[in-house]
């Protein structure tokens, strides 16, 4: 990142006091409390510092819940994407998408009911088939050995067998009977419980089976040393006991005649970008359809003004440093195009240390594809991709984890993940936090009683407020970056554009 002196200052306007409003989770009419400020512009590093202290943006509005007072405490959650391994349910979703793209198959019923792995009976049957195959091979080898032994002893025993036959024949003639005088060795099945069945191959110990299995495995690895006509099986792409990576599951090759084509495009949030502008109308229609079907919003609350202010306007100033990702830092729309049509849009912020998920909206007609889970997995994979170029970027921020609201606990299923301590701003593994959250909605996760919280801003922030003692200006900041507080005259009536121009002019003048 560039030094703070080389960057334009972040312009924020703090709203005094605490907002009391209806909670969208527990429906308490005045239970939700938060601090808020309007961000006219903000550097990506400043916003990174803010979300690492419990803040989050919605459009240009940046807010932080008052954790020990709000009805439903909201803890910032991040996933360690480099160590992430998809769970069984995550694999179900990825497999379901691949089936749909390849063959057009649509899953019936709840996706959670679909088995991802073979049932116990199938697994046992597969093992038994392998054992039987090995046993057959062992039996053939044993038969060959016996035949060799018979050939060696054939000459020495032939004369003895002839003499015994003559003696037996003489005895039969003396008795005058057509039946032999002694019992003939005939393998007959014994009665139950009376011993081994000699008509079948003798039972072998498990140790012998393991040795033979190992020998056959070595033969398979070295085809030249195997029996004639034996062909070693192809080596699998991954080790037998090693699970497939997230990327292997997502980007598994499809047949040439696949039923559908899915393309994911990254588009910067900018009305000057031609791709963003050309897809805006289709994206807006999708947003309206989603809000009305999924959230039951009335049409008047899904207008273009709400859509633009909420998802198409960002305070983040784009940056493209040489050591950053190829796409640069800033706000983006990740569009999911299915057969030339947008079916989902993930709004994300790409920051110095993370990809932060802002919002997702999708076509309800494709709910059977579990696009919420699928897009989260794609964003985790995208974070790992960005890490290859920008080594510091390695986390996937999922917004807020709300343990007191059961339907919001799904974010904790992306492991390994951490929750932000609301008092000391250190990250704590979620496994250590859950026992405390079961006992209390609000928790301090840091177990060190001497640890204290601190707030510092790395960038140059110009704070616009009538009150210079507001929580934003009370942060301690490095002496290398100046912070300017400007009193905004409440009597001046300006439009948003005029107000922003006035703020920028006075901010720059004061910053000098």
Protein backbone atom coordinates (compact mmCIF):
# COMPACT_ATOMS: atom_id res chain seq x y z
CA UNK A 1 0.00 0.00 0.00
CA UNK A 2 1.10 3.54 -0.58
CA UNK A 3 2.07 5.70 2.35
CA UNK A 4 -0.67 7.70 4.04
CA UNK A 5 0.87 10.96 2.90
CA UNK A 6 0.42 9.94 -0.75
CA UNK A 7 -3.25 9.02 -0.38
CA UNK A 8 -6.26 11.29 -0.34
CA UNK A 9 -7.78 11.49 3.13
CA UNK A 10 -10.84 9.46 4.05
CA UNK A 11 -13.85 11.73 4.46
CA UNK A 12 -16.36 10.59 7.08
CA UNK A 13 -19.27 12.36 8.74
CA UNK A 14 -20.14 10.99 12.16
CA UNK A 15 -23.75 10.91 13.38
CA UNK A 16 -23.88 11.93 17.01
CA UNK A 17 -25.48 9.72 19.60
CA UNK A 18 -26.65 6.15 19.19
CA UNK A 19 -29.29 5.00 16.76
CA UNK A 20 -32.19 3.01 18.20
CA UNK A 21 -34.07 1.09 15.57
CA UNK A 22 -36.02 -2.07 14.89
CA UNK A 23 -33.97 -5.25 14.98
CA UNK A 24 -34.24 -7.34 11.82
CA UNK A 25 -33.39 -10.51 13.71
CA UNK A 26 -35.49 -10.64 16.87
CA UNK A 27 -38.02 -7.98 15.60
CA UNK A 28 -37.58 -5.83 18.71
CA UNK A 29 -38.94 -2.41 17.72
CA UNK A 30 -36.17 -0.43 19.47
CA UNK A 31 -33.68 -3.03 20.63
CA UNK A 32 -30.93 -2.58 18.05
CA UNK A 33 -28.29 0.03 18.88
CA UNK A 34 -25.27 1.16 16.92
CA UNK A 35 -22.87 3.96 16.12
CA UNK A 36 -22.96 5.23 12.54
CA UNK A 37 -21.20 7.55 10.13
CA UNK A 38 -21.52 8.52 6.50
CA UNK A 39 -18.37 7.80 4.50
CA UNK A 40 -17.99 10.19 1.58
CA UNK A 41 -14.72 8.53 0.60
CA UNK A 42 -12.45 6.02 2.30
CA UNK A 43 -9.18 4.31 1.58
CA UNK A 44 -9.19 0.52 1.53
CA UNK A 45 -6.65 0.44 4.37
CA UNK A 46 -8.85 2.62 6.59
CA UNK A 47 -11.84 0.39 5.94
CA UNK A 48 -9.70 -2.68 6.66
CA UNK A 49 -8.84 -1.15 10.03
CA UNK A 50 -12.49 -0.37 10.68
CA UNK A 51 -13.83 -3.86 10.01
CA UNK A 52 -11.04 -5.23 12.21
CA UNK A 53 -12.67 -3.21 14.99
CA UNK A 54 -16.24 -4.33 14.43
CA UNK A 55 -17.46 -1.81 11.83
CA UNK A 56 -19.25 -2.71 8.61
CA UNK A 57 -20.63 -0.79 5.64
CA UNK A 58 -23.99 -0.75 3.90
CA UNK A 59 -23.52 1.41 0.84
CA UNK A 60 -21.79 4.51 2.15
CA UNK A 61 -23.22 4.13 5.64
CA UNK A 62 -20.69 2.59 8.04
CA UNK A 63 -21.96 1.36 11.40
CA UNK A 64 -20.83 -0.50 14.50
CA UNK A 65 -23.24 -2.23 16.91
CA UNK A 66 -23.07 -1.23 20.56
CA UNK A 67 -22.31 -4.78 21.54
CA UNK A 68 -23.09 -4.73 25.26
CA UNK A 69 -26.41 -2.94 24.73
CA UNK A 70 -27.90 -4.13 21.45
CA UNK A 71 -30.51 -6.90 21.59
CA UNK A 72 -28.66 -9.20 19.16
CA UNK A 73 -24.86 -8.79 19.45
CA UNK A 74 -23.16 -9.06 16.07
CA UNK A 75 -19.62 -10.42 16.08
CA UNK A 76 -17.35 -9.92 13.08
CA UNK A 77 -16.43 -13.33 11.65
CA UNK A 78 -13.65 -14.31 9.26
CA UNK A 79 -12.70 -17.60 7.66
CA UNK A 80 -9.06 -18.63 7.31
CA UNK A 81 -9.39 -19.43 3.64
CA UNK A 82 -5.96 -21.00 3.17
CA UNK A 83 -6.80 -23.75 5.69
CA UNK A 84 -10.43 -24.13 4.66
CA UNK A 85 -11.70 -27.61 3.83
CA UNK A 86 -15.27 -28.01 2.53
CA UNK A 87 -17.60 -29.96 4.79
CA UNK A 88 -19.83 -32.81 3.66
CA UNK A 89 -22.76 -30.43 3.12
CA UNK A 90 -20.54 -28.04 1.13
CA UNK A 91 -19.50 -30.92 -1.13
CA UNK A 92 -23.17 -31.73 -1.68
CA UNK A 93 -23.79 -28.25 -3.04
CA UNK A 94 -20.77 -28.36 -5.36
CA UNK A 95 -21.69 -31.81 -6.64
CA UNK A 96 -25.27 -30.66 -7.22
CA UNK A 97 -24.06 -27.72 -9.31
CA UNK A 98 -21.79 -29.95 -11.41
CA UNK A 99 -24.65 -32.38 -12.09
CA UNK A 100 -26.89 -29.52 -13.17
CA UNK A 101 -24.25 -28.04 -15.48
CA UNK A 102 -23.26 -31.40 -16.98
CA UNK A 103 -26.61 -33.12 -17.41
CA UNK A 104 -29.25 -30.56 -16.43
CA UNK A 105 -30.22 -32.67 -13.42
CA UNK A 106 -32.34 -30.89 -10.83
CA UNK A 107 -32.21 -32.28 -7.32
CA UNK A 108 -35.49 -33.30 -5.80
CA UNK A 109 -36.46 -32.32 -2.28
CA UNK A 110 -34.08 -30.97 0.33
CA UNK A 111 -30.46 -31.03 -0.75
CA UNK A 112 -29.48 -32.06 2.77
CA UNK A 113 -31.18 -35.42 2.16
CA UNK A 114 -28.92 -36.28 -0.76
CA UNK A 115 -26.08 -38.64 0.17
CA UNK A 116 -22.66 -37.30 -0.67
CA UNK A 117 -20.71 -40.43 0.18
CA UNK A 118 -21.48 -44.14 -0.24
CA UNK A 119 -23.73 -45.66 2.39
CA UNK A 120 -22.25 -48.06 4.92
CA UNK A 121 -23.60 -51.04 2.98
CA UNK A 122 -22.05 -49.78 -0.26
CA UNK A 123 -18.71 -49.21 1.41
CA UNK A 124 -18.67 -52.69 2.94
CA UNK A 125 -19.70 -54.25 -0.38
CA UNK A 126 -16.83 -52.46 -2.10
CA UNK A 127 -14.31 -53.72 0.47
CA UNK A 128 -15.64 -57.27 0.22
CA UNK A 129 -15.36 -57.18 -3.57
CA UNK A 130 -11.70 -56.22 -3.25
CA UNK A 131 -11.02 -58.93 -0.67
CA UNK A 132 -12.75 -61.57 -2.81
CA UNK A 133 -10.66 -60.52 -5.80
CA UNK A 134 -7.48 -60.85 -3.77
CA UNK A 135 -8.60 -64.18 -2.35
CA UNK A 136 -9.23 -65.52 -5.87
CA UNK A 137 -5.76 -64.42 -6.96
CA UNK A 138 -4.25 -66.05 -3.84
CA UNK A 139 -6.16 -69.27 -4.45
CA UNK A 140 -4.82 -69.44 -8.02
CA UNK A 141 -1.29 -68.92 -6.76
CA UNK A 142 -1.82 -71.63 -4.13
CA UNK A 143 -3.14 -74.03 -6.79
CA UNK A 144 -0.07 -73.43 -8.99
CA UNK A 145 2.21 -74.19 -6.03
CA UNK A 146 0.41 -77.43 -5.30
CA UNK A 147 0.67 -78.51 -8.93
CA UNK A 148 4.42 -77.94 -8.87
CA UNK A 149 4.73 -80.00 -5.72
CA UNK A 150 2.72 -82.83 -7.32
CA UNK A 151 5.01 -82.89 -10.36
CA UNK A 152 8.11 -83.16 -8.16
CA UNK A 153 6.73 -86.07 -6.17
CA UNK A 154 4.97 -87.67 -9.13
CA UNK A 155 7.78 -90.06 -10.09
CA UNK A 156 8.53 -91.23 -6.54
CA UNK A 157 4.93 -91.84 -5.59
CA UNK A 158 3.71 -93.41 -8.83
CA UNK A 159 5.15 -96.85 -8.02
CA UNK A 160 3.78 -96.83 -4.46
CA UNK A 161 0.31 -95.85 -5.68
CA UNK A 162 0.41 -98.75 -8.20
CA UNK A 163 1.35 -101.29 -5.52
CA UNK A 164 -1.39 -100.02 -3.20
CA UNK A 165 -3.91 -100.32 -6.00
CA UNK A 166 -2.90 -103.94 -6.70
CA UNK A 167 -3.08 -104.86 -3.00
CA UNK A 168 -6.48 -103.25 -2.70
CA UNK A 169 -7.71 -105.11 -5.76
CA UNK A 170 -6.50 -108.43 -4.33
CA UNK A 171 -8.34 -107.84 -1.10
CA UNK A 172 -11.52 -107.06 -2.92
CA UNK A 173 -11.31 -110.26 -4.84
CA UNK A 174 -10.77 -112.25 -1.64
CA UNK A 175 -13.86 -110.74 -0.02
CA UNK A 176 -15.96 -111.30 -3.14
CA UNK A 177 -17.55 -107.98 -2.78
CA UNK A 178 -17.90 -105.13 -5.24
CA UNK A 179 -17.22 -102.56 -2.49
CA UNK A 180 -13.78 -101.56 -1.26
CA UNK A 181 -12.56 -102.99 2.02
CA UNK A 182 -11.44 -99.58 3.32
CA UNK A 183 -12.86 -96.04 3.22
CA UNK A 184 -11.90 -93.89 0.25
CA UNK A 185 -10.79 -90.28 0.90
CA UNK A 186 -13.79 -88.36 -0.44
CA UNK A 187 -14.38 -84.71 0.60
CA UNK A 188 -17.92 -84.52 1.91
CA UNK A 189 -19.53 -81.59 3.66
CA UNK A 190 -19.64 -82.17 7.42
CA UNK A 191 -22.73 -81.70 9.49
CA UNK A 192 -23.09 -78.26 11.08
CA UNK A 193 -20.76 -77.85 14.03
CA UNK A 194 -18.71 -80.96 13.15
CA UNK A 195 -15.61 -79.31 11.69
CA UNK A 196 -14.28 -77.58 8.57
CA UNK A 197 -15.73 -78.23 5.14
CA UNK A 198 -12.88 -79.92 3.30
CA UNK A 199 -14.60 -79.47 -0.04
CA UNK A 200 -13.77 -75.75 0.13
CA UNK A 201 -10.34 -74.03 0.21
CA UNK A 202 -8.87 -73.89 3.71
CA UNK A 203 -9.46 -70.68 5.66
CA UNK A 204 -6.48 -68.37 5.82
CA UNK A 205 -5.45 -66.03 8.56
CA UNK A 206 -5.93 -62.29 8.15
CA UNK A 207 -2.18 -61.83 8.38
CA UNK A 208 -1.67 -64.03 5.33
CA UNK A 209 -4.33 -62.10 3.41
CA UNK A 210 -2.59 -58.81 4.24
CA UNK A 211 0.76 -60.15 3.07
CA UNK A 212 -0.73 -61.36 -0.17
CA UNK A 213 -2.52 -58.06 -0.66
CA UNK A 214 0.73 -56.17 -0.17
CA UNK A 215 2.49 -58.45 -2.66
CA UNK A 216 -0.20 -57.86 -5.28
CA UNK A 217 0.00 -54.12 -4.69
CA UNK A 218 3.75 -54.20 -5.38
CA UNK A 219 3.05 -56.17 -8.56
CA UNK A 220 0.57 -53.51 -9.67
CA UNK A 221 3.11 -50.75 -9.08
CA UNK A 222 5.68 -52.64 -11.18
CA UNK A 223 3.84 -54.02 -14.25
CA UNK A 224 7.04 -55.65 -15.58
CA UNK A 225 7.19 -57.92 -12.54
CA UNK A 226 3.54 -58.88 -12.69
CA UNK A 227 2.00 -61.94 -14.30
CA UNK A 228 1.62 -62.10 -18.06
CA UNK A 229 -1.27 -60.02 -19.34
CA UNK A 230 -1.56 -58.09 -16.07
CA UNK A 231 -2.23 -54.37 -16.51
CA UNK A 232 -1.65 -51.98 -13.62
CA UNK A 233 -4.57 -49.62 -12.93
CA UNK A 234 -4.19 -45.92 -13.64
CA UNK A 235 -2.84 -43.82 -10.83
CA UNK A 236 -5.54 -41.62 -9.33
CA UNK A 237 -5.11 -37.85 -9.59
CA UNK A 238 -5.13 -37.49 -5.83
CA UNK A 239 -3.82 -39.78 -3.15
CA UNK A 240 -6.34 -42.41 -1.99
CA UNK A 241 -6.76 -40.96 1.50
CA UNK A 242 -6.36 -37.30 0.56
CA UNK A 243 -9.61 -35.34 0.08
CA UNK A 244 -10.09 -33.21 -3.01
CA UNK A 245 -9.29 -29.55 -2.65
CA UNK A 246 -11.96 -26.86 -2.93
CA UNK A 247 -10.64 -25.89 -6.36
CA UNK A 248 -10.77 -29.47 -7.63
CA UNK A 249 -14.39 -29.74 -6.52
CA UNK A 250 -15.42 -26.42 -8.08
CA UNK A 251 -13.52 -26.61 -11.37
CA UNK A 252 -14.05 -30.28 -12.15
CA UNK A 253 -14.05 -30.73 -15.92
CA UNK A 254 -17.41 -30.93 -17.69
CA UNK A 255 -18.25 -32.94 -20.82
CA UNK A 256 -18.11 -31.19 -24.17
CA UNK A 257 -21.87 -31.58 -24.56
CA UNK A 258 -22.66 -30.11 -21.13
CA UNK A 259 -26.25 -28.94 -20.73
CA UNK A 260 -25.36 -25.54 -19.24
CA UNK A 261 -22.50 -23.09 -19.11
CA UNK A 262 -21.67 -21.07 -15.96
CA UNK A 263 -19.34 -18.07 -16.09
CA UNK A 264 -18.28 -15.89 -13.15
CA UNK A 265 -17.30 -12.31 -14.01
CA UNK A 266 -15.68 -9.75 -11.71
CA UNK A 267 -16.95 -6.25 -12.45
CA UNK A 268 -15.80 -3.10 -10.59
CA UNK A 269 -18.53 -1.03 -8.96
CA UNK A 270 -18.19 2.03 -11.15
CA UNK A 271 -20.66 3.75 -13.44
CA UNK A 272 -17.69 4.55 -15.67
CA UNK A 273 -17.00 0.85 -16.28
CA UNK A 274 -18.69 -0.25 -19.54
CA UNK A 275 -19.35 -3.82 -18.38
CA UNK A 276 -20.92 -2.60 -15.14
CA UNK A 277 -23.14 -0.15 -17.02
CA UNK A 278 -24.24 -2.65 -19.67
CA UNK A 279 -25.33 -5.22 -17.07
CA UNK A 280 -26.90 -2.75 -14.63
CA UNK A 281 -30.48 -3.10 -15.92
CA UNK A 282 -30.42 -6.91 -15.75
CA UNK A 283 -28.76 -6.79 -12.35
CA UNK A 284 -31.41 -4.41 -11.01
CA UNK A 285 -34.27 -6.60 -12.26
CA UNK A 286 -32.70 -9.57 -10.52
CA UNK A 287 -32.39 -7.57 -7.28
CA UNK A 288 -36.09 -6.62 -7.34
CA UNK A 289 -37.13 -10.21 -8.01
CA UNK A 290 -34.95 -11.45 -5.14
CA UNK A 291 -36.06 -8.86 -2.59
CA UNK A 292 -39.75 -9.41 -3.27
CA UNK A 293 -39.60 -13.23 -3.33
CA UNK A 294 -37.08 -13.93 -0.57
CA UNK A 295 -37.54 -10.97 1.80
CA UNK A 296 -41.15 -10.12 0.88
CA UNK A 297 -40.26 -6.46 0.32
CA UNK A 298 -43.02 -4.37 -1.30
CA UNK A 299 -42.22 -2.97 -4.77
CA UNK A 300 -41.93 0.61 -3.49
CA UNK A 301 -38.98 -0.44 -1.30
CA UNK A 302 -37.11 -2.04 -4.21
CA UNK A 303 -36.67 1.03 -6.39
CA UNK A 304 -33.60 1.91 -8.39
CA UNK A 305 -32.63 4.56 -5.85
CA UNK A 306 -32.53 1.99 -3.05
CA UNK A 307 -30.65 -0.48 -5.25
CA UNK A 308 -28.07 2.07 -6.37
CA UNK A 309 -27.49 3.52 -2.90
CA UNK A 310 -27.28 0.10 -1.26
CA UNK A 311 -25.24 -1.99 -3.72
CA UNK A 312 -23.91 0.23 -6.50
CA UNK A 313 -22.37 3.00 -4.42
CA UNK A 314 -19.23 2.52 -2.36
CA UNK A 315 -17.03 4.94 -0.43
CA UNK A 316 -13.92 2.85 -1.18
CA UNK A 317 -11.43 4.52 -3.46
CA UNK A 318 -10.03 2.00 -5.99
CA UNK A 319 -6.32 1.32 -5.65
CA UNK A 320 -4.03 -0.77 -7.81
CA UNK A 321 -0.59 -1.00 -6.17
CA UNK A 322 2.15 -3.12 -7.82
CA UNK A 323 2.16 -5.65 -4.97
CA UNK A 324 -1.63 -6.02 -4.95
CA UNK A 325 -3.93 -8.36 -6.91
CA UNK A 326 -4.31 -7.85 -10.65
CA UNK A 327 -7.88 -6.57 -10.22
CA UNK A 328 -6.77 -4.06 -7.59
CA UNK A 329 -8.54 -3.12 -4.36
CA UNK A 330 -12.04 -1.69 -4.04
CA UNK A 331 -15.68 -2.74 -4.41
CA UNK A 332 -16.84 -5.26 -7.02
CA UNK A 333 -19.81 -7.24 -8.27
CA UNK A 334 -19.13 -10.92 -8.87
CA UNK A 335 -21.72 -11.86 -11.47
CA UNK A 336 -22.80 -15.46 -12.10
CA UNK A 337 -23.85 -15.86 -15.74
CA UNK A 338 -25.75 -19.03 -16.65
CA UNK A 339 -26.25 -19.51 -20.39
CA UNK A 340 -25.91 -15.77 -21.01
CA UNK A 341 -28.19 -14.70 -18.14
CA UNK A 342 -27.30 -13.31 -14.70
CA UNK A 343 -28.66 -15.62 -11.99
CA UNK A 344 -26.72 -14.26 -8.99
CA UNK A 345 -24.59 -11.28 -7.96
CA UNK A 346 -22.19 -11.28 -5.01
CA UNK A 347 -21.19 -7.81 -3.81
CA UNK A 348 -17.68 -7.91 -2.33
CA UNK A 349 -14.92 -5.59 -1.16
CA UNK A 350 -11.32 -6.55 -1.92
CA UNK A 351 -9.14 -5.14 0.86
CA UNK A 352 -5.43 -5.43 1.75
CA UNK A 353 -5.91 -8.47 3.99
CA UNK A 354 -9.24 -9.96 2.99
CA UNK A 355 -12.20 -10.36 0.68
CA UNK A 356 -15.22 -8.97 2.54
CA UNK A 357 -18.68 -10.22 1.56
CA UNK A 358 -21.22 -7.38 1.46
CA UNK A 359 -24.40 -8.90 0.00
CA UNK A 360 -25.75 -11.57 -2.32
CA UNK A 361 -28.92 -11.59 -4.41
CA UNK A 362 -29.98 -14.32 -6.81
CA UNK A 363 -32.79 -15.58 -9.00
CA UNK A 364 -35.29 -17.45 -6.77
CA UNK A 365 -36.02 -19.78 -9.72
CA UNK A 366 -32.59 -21.32 -9.10
CA UNK A 367 -32.92 -21.76 -5.36
CA UNK A 368 -32.48 -25.51 -5.84
CA UNK A 369 -28.78 -24.84 -6.56
CA UNK A 370 -28.17 -23.41 -3.04
CA UNK A 371 -26.57 -20.33 -4.56
CA UNK A 372 -25.91 -18.76 -1.15
CA UNK A 373 -23.60 -21.60 -0.15
CA UNK A 374 -22.18 -22.00 -3.65
CA UNK A 375 -21.26 -18.32 -3.95
CA UNK A 376 -19.58 -18.35 -0.51
CA UNK A 377 -17.44 -21.31 -1.58
CA UNK A 378 -16.56 -19.54 -4.82
CA UNK A 379 -15.58 -16.41 -2.87
CA UNK A 380 -13.34 -18.47 -0.57
CA UNK A 381 -11.66 -19.99 -3.62
CA UNK A 382 -11.35 -16.48 -5.11
CA UNK A 383 -9.64 -15.27 -1.91
CA UNK A 384 -7.11 -18.08 -2.24
CA UNK A 385 -6.55 -17.11 -5.86
CA UNK A 386 -5.84 -13.48 -4.91
CA UNK A 387 -3.45 -14.66 -2.21
CA UNK A 388 -1.15 -16.08 -4.90
CA UNK A 389 -0.39 -12.52 -6.05
CA UNK A 390 -0.97 -10.59 -2.80
CA UNK A 391 0.45 -12.76 0.00
CA UNK A 392 -1.09 -10.67 2.80
CA UNK A 393 -4.60 -11.21 1.46
CA UNK A 394 -5.67 -14.50 3.02
CA UNK A 395 -8.97 -14.08 4.89
CA UNK A 396 -12.61 -14.21 3.88
CA UNK A 397 -14.83 -11.93 5.99
CA UNK A 398 -18.47 -13.02 6.16
CA UNK A 399 -19.89 -9.99 7.95
CA UNK A 400 -21.49 -10.58 11.34
CA UNK A 401 -22.05 -13.82 13.22
CA UNK A 402 -25.19 -13.65 15.39
CA UNK A 403 -25.34 -16.58 17.77
CA UNK A 404 -28.59 -15.43 19.39
CA UNK A 405 -30.29 -15.79 15.99
CA UNK A 406 -30.26 -19.48 14.97
CA UNK A 407 -30.76 -18.77 11.26
CA UNK A 408 -27.54 -16.69 11.26
CA UNK A 409 -25.34 -19.40 12.75
CA UNK A 410 -24.63 -20.93 9.34
CA UNK A 411 -21.61 -18.64 8.97
CA UNK A 412 -19.88 -20.64 11.68
CA UNK A 413 -19.93 -23.72 9.42
CA UNK A 414 -17.08 -22.39 7.29
CA UNK A 415 -14.10 -23.63 9.28
CA UNK A 416 -11.56 -22.73 10.45
CA UNK A 417 -13.00 -19.35 11.42
CA UNK A 418 -12.48 -16.70 14.08
CA UNK A 419 -14.66 -14.21 15.95
CA UNK A 420 -13.53 -10.72 16.88
CA UNK A 421 -13.40 -9.97 20.60
CA UNK A 422 -15.62 -6.89 21.10
CA UNK A 423 -13.39 -5.46 23.84
CA UNK A 424 -9.79 -6.18 22.86
CA UNK A 425 -10.20 -6.63 19.06
CA UNK A 426 -8.21 -9.85 18.89
CA UNK A 427 -9.30 -12.83 16.83
CA UNK A 428 -10.35 -15.95 18.73
CA UNK A 429 -11.15 -19.37 17.15
CA UNK A 430 -14.90 -19.84 17.05
CA UNK A 431 -14.65 -23.20 18.84
CA UNK A 432 -13.40 -21.36 21.92
CA UNK A 433 -16.19 -18.77 21.70
CA UNK A 434 -19.24 -21.00 21.34
CA UNK A 435 -19.38 -22.32 24.94
CA UNK A 436 -19.44 -18.73 26.26
CA UNK A 437 -22.09 -17.68 23.74
CA UNK A 438 -24.34 -20.51 24.90
CA UNK A 439 -24.41 -18.90 28.34
CA UNK A 440 -24.55 -15.23 27.38
CA UNK A 441 -25.41 -13.22 24.26
CA UNK A 442 -22.60 -10.75 24.91
CA UNK A 443 -19.13 -12.14 25.64
CA UNK A 444 -15.56 -11.00 25.90
CA UNK A 445 -13.61 -13.71 24.10
CA UNK A 446 -10.12 -12.68 25.15
CA UNK A 447 -9.42 -14.58 28.38
CA UNK A 448 -6.49 -12.35 29.36
CA UNK A 449 -7.93 -10.07 32.10
CA UNK A 450 -5.12 -7.54 31.63
CA UNK A 451 -5.68 -7.13 27.90
CA UNK A 452 -7.28 -3.83 26.94
CA UNK A 453 -8.78 -2.61 23.70
CA UNK A 454 -7.17 -0.01 21.50
CA UNK A 455 -8.15 1.84 18.37
CA UNK A 456 -5.73 3.19 15.81
CA UNK A 457 -6.15 4.39 12.29
CA UNK A 458 -3.32 3.89 9.86
CA UNK A 459 -4.57 6.24 7.18
CA UNK A 460 -5.26 9.93 7.05
CA UNK A 461 -8.85 10.52 8.13
CA UNK A 462 -10.70 13.78 7.87
CA UNK A 463 -13.61 13.63 10.27
CA UNK A 464 -16.53 15.93 9.57
CA UNK A 465 -18.69 16.63 12.59
CA UNK A 466 -20.06 19.37 14.82
CA UNK A 467 -18.71 17.47 17.83
CA UNK A 468 -14.92 17.09 17.98
CA UNK A 469 -15.26 14.68 20.94
CA UNK A 470 -17.25 12.02 19.11
CA UNK A 471 -16.03 8.36 19.25
CA UNK A 472 -14.42 8.64 15.84
CA UNK A 473 -12.09 11.50 16.78
CA UNK A 474 -11.25 9.96 20.15
CA UNK A 475 -9.19 7.22 18.46
CA UNK A 476 -5.47 7.41 19.03
CA UNK A 477 -3.61 7.77 15.74
CA UNK A 478 0.03 7.69 14.63
CA UNK A 479 1.66 11.07 14.63
CA UNK A 480 2.73 10.58 11.00
CA UNK A 481 -0.87 10.90 9.79
CA UNK A 482 -2.81 14.06 10.47
CA UNK A 483 -6.48 14.10 11.39
CA UNK A 484 -8.61 17.14 10.78
CA UNK A 485 -12.01 17.83 12.31
CA UNK A 486 -14.24 20.23 10.41
CA UNK A 487 -17.44 21.74 11.77
CA UNK A 488 -20.21 21.32 9.24
CA UNK A 489 -22.61 24.31 9.32
CA UNK A 490 -26.07 22.84 9.88
CA UNK A 491 -27.76 25.97 8.53
CA UNK A 492 -26.31 25.57 5.05
CA UNK A 493 -28.77 23.83 2.71
CA UNK A 494 -26.84 21.96 0.02
CA UNK A 495 -27.56 19.09 -2.29
CA UNK A 496 -25.53 15.91 -1.84
CA UNK A 497 -23.21 16.76 -4.72
CA UNK A 498 -22.75 20.36 -3.54
CA UNK A 499 -22.25 19.22 0.03
CA UNK A 500 -19.60 16.69 -1.00
CA UNK A 501 -17.76 19.32 -3.06
CA UNK A 502 -17.85 21.72 -0.12
CA UNK A 503 -16.57 19.03 2.24
CA UNK A 504 -13.74 18.04 -0.06
CA UNK A 505 -12.67 21.68 -0.63
CA UNK A 506 -12.60 22.48 3.09
CA UNK A 507 -11.05 19.13 3.99
CA UNK A 508 -8.15 19.58 1.59
CA UNK A 509 -7.64 23.18 2.74
CA UNK A 510 -7.59 22.12 6.38
CA UNK A 511 -5.41 19.10 5.62
CA UNK A 512 -2.73 21.35 4.16
